[in-house]
Amino acid sequence: MWDDGAMWAGAREGQLLLRRCQACATICHPPLPMCPHCQAMTWQALVASGKARLVSWLVSQDSADTDAAKPIVIVVCLEEG
């Protein structure tokens, strides 16, 4: 069984955990109830390598609060896919 609690537990440990199908090794994100490739429902955690290619980024602009820190949103392509 896998839920997003496992992902956040990994984040607390400084790791990005991905969900990988135990049957076919397909990485599934965002999490779904079953593997989109083979329909299996058994998962294992995979620690991401941390290597990625930056695809895009933006600085979020919230006009309601001009004093708030502007969050940066990034999109990356992980080495794992």
N, C-alpha and C. Protein backbone atom coordinates (compact mmCIF):
# COMPACT_ATOMS: atom_id res chain seq x y z
N MET A 1 0.86 -1.19 0.00
CA MET A 1 0.00 0.00 0.00
C MET A 1 0.88 1.23 0.00
N TRP A 2 0.47 2.26 -0.67
CA TRP A 2 1.23 3.50 -0.78
C TRP A 2 0.24 4.65 -0.72
N ASP A 3 0.60 5.67 0.02
CA ASP A 3 -0.16 6.91 -0.03
C ASP A 3 0.84 8.05 -0.02
N ASP A 4 0.36 9.28 -0.12
CA ASP A 4 1.32 10.39 -0.18
C ASP A 4 2.02 10.62 1.16
N GLY A 5 1.57 9.96 2.23
CA GLY A 5 2.26 10.04 3.51
C GLY A 5 3.68 9.49 3.41
N ALA A 6 3.87 8.45 2.60
CA ALA A 6 5.20 7.88 2.40
C ALA A 6 6.11 8.90 1.73
N MET A 7 5.58 9.64 0.76
CA MET A 7 6.37 10.66 0.08
C MET A 7 6.81 11.75 1.06
N TRP A 8 5.90 12.20 1.91
CA TRP A 8 6.23 13.26 2.87
C TRP A 8 7.19 12.75 3.95
N ALA A 9 7.08 11.50 4.34
CA ALA A 9 8.02 10.93 5.31
C ALA A 9 9.42 10.93 4.72
N GLY A 10 9.55 10.59 3.44
CA GLY A 10 10.84 10.65 2.77
C GLY A 10 11.38 12.07 2.71
N ALA A 11 10.50 13.03 2.45
CA ALA A 11 10.92 14.43 2.39
C ALA A 11 11.49 14.89 3.72
N ARG A 12 10.89 14.44 4.82
CA ARG A 12 11.42 14.79 6.15
C ARG A 12 12.83 14.25 6.36
N GLU A 13 13.16 13.17 5.66
CA GLU A 13 14.49 12.57 5.74
C GLU A 13 15.43 13.11 4.66
N GLY A 14 14.95 14.08 3.88
CA GLY A 14 15.79 14.66 2.83
C GLY A 14 15.83 13.83 1.55
N GLN A 15 14.82 12.99 1.34
CA GLN A 15 14.78 12.14 0.16
C GLN A 15 13.51 12.38 -0.64
N LEU A 16 13.64 12.32 -1.96
CA LEU A 16 12.47 12.34 -2.82
C LEU A 16 12.15 10.89 -3.16
N LEU A 17 11.03 10.40 -2.63
CA LEU A 17 10.61 9.02 -2.88
C LEU A 17 9.63 8.98 -4.03
N LEU A 18 9.90 8.10 -4.97
CA LEU A 18 9.01 7.86 -6.09
C LEU A 18 8.34 6.51 -5.88
N ARG A 19 7.21 6.34 -6.49
CA ARG A 19 6.48 5.08 -6.38
C ARG A 19 6.72 4.25 -7.64
N ARG A 20 7.25 3.04 -7.44
CA ARG A 20 7.56 2.16 -8.57
C ARG A 20 6.77 0.86 -8.44
N CYS A 21 6.19 0.43 -9.53
CA CYS A 21 5.42 -0.82 -9.57
C CYS A 21 6.36 -1.99 -9.31
N GLN A 22 5.96 -2.87 -8.39
CA GLN A 22 6.78 -4.06 -8.11
C GLN A 22 6.74 -5.06 -9.25
N ALA A 23 5.68 -5.05 -10.04
CA ALA A 23 5.54 -6.04 -11.10
C ALA A 23 6.33 -5.67 -12.36
N CYS A 24 6.29 -4.39 -12.77
CA CYS A 24 6.90 -4.02 -14.06
C CYS A 24 7.92 -2.89 -13.95
N ALA A 25 8.12 -2.34 -12.75
CA ALA A 25 9.10 -1.27 -12.48
C ALA A 25 8.73 0.09 -13.08
N THR A 26 7.48 0.28 -13.50
CA THR A 26 7.03 1.58 -14.00
C THR A 26 6.93 2.55 -12.83
N ILE A 27 7.47 3.74 -13.01
CA ILE A 27 7.33 4.79 -12.00
C ILE A 27 6.01 5.50 -12.24
N CYS A 28 5.25 5.71 -11.19
CA CYS A 28 3.91 6.29 -11.31
C CYS A 28 3.80 7.54 -10.45
N HIS A 29 3.70 8.69 -11.10
CA HIS A 29 3.47 9.94 -10.39
C HIS A 29 2.61 10.83 -11.26
N PRO A 30 1.56 11.39 -10.76
CA PRO A 30 1.07 11.29 -9.38
C PRO A 30 0.54 9.88 -9.10
N PRO A 31 0.52 9.51 -7.81
CA PRO A 31 0.09 8.17 -7.43
C PRO A 31 -1.33 7.84 -7.91
N LEU A 32 -1.49 6.64 -8.43
CA LEU A 32 -2.78 6.11 -8.85
C LEU A 32 -3.02 4.80 -8.09
N PRO A 33 -4.26 4.32 -8.04
CA PRO A 33 -4.52 3.07 -7.31
C PRO A 33 -3.81 1.86 -7.93
N MET A 34 -3.66 1.86 -9.26
CA MET A 34 -2.99 0.73 -9.91
C MET A 34 -2.03 1.24 -10.97
N CYS A 35 -1.08 0.41 -11.31
CA CYS A 35 -0.06 0.77 -12.30
C CYS A 35 -0.72 1.05 -13.65
N PRO A 36 -0.42 2.18 -14.27
CA PRO A 36 -1.03 2.48 -15.57
C PRO A 36 -0.50 1.59 -16.69
N HIS A 37 0.61 0.89 -16.44
CA HIS A 37 1.20 0.04 -17.48
C HIS A 37 0.67 -1.41 -17.41
N CYS A 38 0.69 -2.00 -16.19
CA CYS A 38 0.33 -3.43 -16.07
C CYS A 38 -0.88 -3.68 -15.15
N GLN A 39 -1.42 -2.64 -14.54
CA GLN A 39 -2.58 -2.72 -13.64
C GLN A 39 -2.30 -3.43 -12.32
N ALA A 40 -1.05 -3.66 -11.98
CA ALA A 40 -0.72 -4.23 -10.67
C ALA A 40 -1.02 -3.20 -9.58
N MET A 41 -1.18 -3.67 -8.37
CA MET A 41 -1.48 -2.78 -7.25
C MET A 41 -0.46 -2.91 -6.12
N THR A 42 0.73 -3.35 -6.45
CA THR A 42 1.79 -3.47 -5.46
C THR A 42 2.91 -2.50 -5.82
N TRP A 43 3.37 -1.76 -4.81
CA TRP A 43 4.32 -0.67 -5.04
C TRP A 43 5.53 -0.80 -4.14
N GLN A 44 6.60 -0.17 -4.54
CA GLN A 44 7.78 -0.05 -3.70
C GLN A 44 8.30 1.37 -3.84
N ALA A 45 9.02 1.81 -2.82
CA ALA A 45 9.60 3.16 -2.84
C ALA A 45 10.94 3.12 -3.55
N LEU A 46 11.17 4.13 -4.36
CA LEU A 46 12.44 4.31 -5.06
C LEU A 46 12.96 5.68 -4.67
N VAL A 47 14.18 5.75 -4.14
CA VAL A 47 14.78 7.04 -3.79
C VAL A 47 15.33 7.65 -5.06
N ALA A 48 14.84 8.84 -5.42
CA ALA A 48 15.31 9.53 -6.63
C ALA A 48 16.78 9.92 -6.47
N SER A 49 17.48 9.93 -7.57
CA SER A 49 18.91 10.24 -7.56
C SER A 49 19.20 11.70 -7.24
N GLY A 50 18.23 12.55 -7.50
CA GLY A 50 18.44 13.99 -7.31
C GLY A 50 18.93 14.67 -8.57
N LYS A 51 19.16 13.91 -9.62
CA LYS A 51 19.60 14.48 -10.90
C LYS A 51 18.38 14.77 -11.76
N ALA A 52 18.34 15.97 -12.32
CA ALA A 52 17.18 16.38 -13.12
C ALA A 52 17.59 17.47 -14.09
N ARG A 53 16.74 17.67 -15.09
CA ARG A 53 16.92 18.75 -16.06
C ARG A 53 15.79 19.75 -15.85
N LEU A 54 16.14 21.01 -15.69
CA LEU A 54 15.13 22.05 -15.52
C LEU A 54 14.39 22.26 -16.83
N VAL A 55 13.08 22.17 -16.78
CA VAL A 55 12.25 22.35 -17.96
C VAL A 55 11.69 23.77 -18.00
N SER A 56 11.19 24.23 -16.86
CA SER A 56 10.59 25.57 -16.82
C SER A 56 10.53 26.04 -15.37
N TRP A 57 10.35 27.34 -15.18
CA TRP A 57 10.18 27.89 -13.85
C TRP A 57 9.41 29.19 -13.94
N LEU A 58 8.82 29.59 -12.81
CA LEU A 58 8.15 30.88 -12.74
C LEU A 58 8.14 31.37 -11.30
N VAL A 59 8.03 32.68 -11.16
CA VAL A 59 7.86 33.28 -9.84
C VAL A 59 6.38 33.62 -9.73
N SER A 60 5.72 33.01 -8.76
CA SER A 60 4.29 33.22 -8.58
C SER A 60 4.02 34.63 -8.09
N GLN A 61 3.10 35.30 -8.71
CA GLN A 61 2.74 36.67 -8.34
C GLN A 61 1.35 36.68 -7.73
N ASP A 62 1.27 37.04 -6.45
CA ASP A 62 -0.01 37.15 -5.77
C ASP A 62 -0.24 38.63 -5.49
N SER A 63 -1.11 39.22 -6.27
CA SER A 63 -1.33 40.66 -6.15
C SER A 63 -2.03 41.05 -4.85
N ALA A 64 -2.62 40.10 -4.13
CA ALA A 64 -3.35 40.41 -2.91
C ALA A 64 -2.40 40.76 -1.76
N ASP A 65 -1.21 40.20 -1.74
CA ASP A 65 -0.27 40.44 -0.63
C ASP A 65 1.10 40.79 -1.21
N THR A 66 1.36 42.07 -1.36
CA THR A 66 2.59 42.52 -2.01
C THR A 66 3.82 42.31 -1.13
N ASP A 67 3.65 42.12 0.19
CA ASP A 67 4.79 41.92 1.08
C ASP A 67 5.18 40.45 1.25
N ALA A 68 4.36 39.56 0.77
CA ALA A 68 4.63 38.13 0.96
C ALA A 68 5.79 37.69 0.06
N ALA A 69 6.52 36.69 0.53
CA ALA A 69 7.59 36.10 -0.29
C ALA A 69 6.97 35.49 -1.54
N LYS A 70 7.61 35.65 -2.65
CA LYS A 70 7.11 35.12 -3.92
C LYS A 70 7.61 33.69 -4.11
N PRO A 71 6.70 32.71 -4.07
CA PRO A 71 7.14 31.33 -4.26
C PRO A 71 7.62 31.09 -5.69
N ILE A 72 8.64 30.26 -5.82
CA ILE A 72 9.16 29.88 -7.12
C ILE A 72 8.67 28.47 -7.42
N VAL A 73 8.08 28.28 -8.59
CA VAL A 73 7.56 26.99 -9.02
C VAL A 73 8.47 26.50 -10.15
N ILE A 74 8.93 25.24 -10.03
CA ILE A 74 9.78 24.68 -11.08
C ILE A 74 9.17 23.39 -11.63
N VAL A 75 9.50 23.10 -12.87
CA VAL A 75 9.15 21.84 -13.51
C VAL A 75 10.46 21.21 -13.95
N VAL A 76 10.69 19.97 -13.52
CA VAL A 76 11.92 19.28 -13.88
C VAL A 76 11.60 17.92 -14.49
N CYS A 77 12.55 17.41 -15.25
CA CYS A 77 12.49 16.04 -15.76
C CYS A 77 13.53 15.26 -14.97
N LEU A 78 13.07 14.36 -14.11
CA LEU A 78 13.98 13.57 -13.28
C LEU A 78 14.74 12.57 -14.11
N GLU A 79 15.94 12.24 -13.68
CA GLU A 79 16.74 11.21 -14.35
C GLU A 79 15.97 9.90 -14.45
N GLU A 80 15.16 9.61 -13.44
CA GLU A 80 14.37 8.38 -13.40
C GLU A 80 13.17 8.43 -14.36
N GLY A 81 12.91 9.58 -14.92
CA GLY A 81 11.78 9.72 -15.83
C GLY A 81 10.68 10.47 -15.18
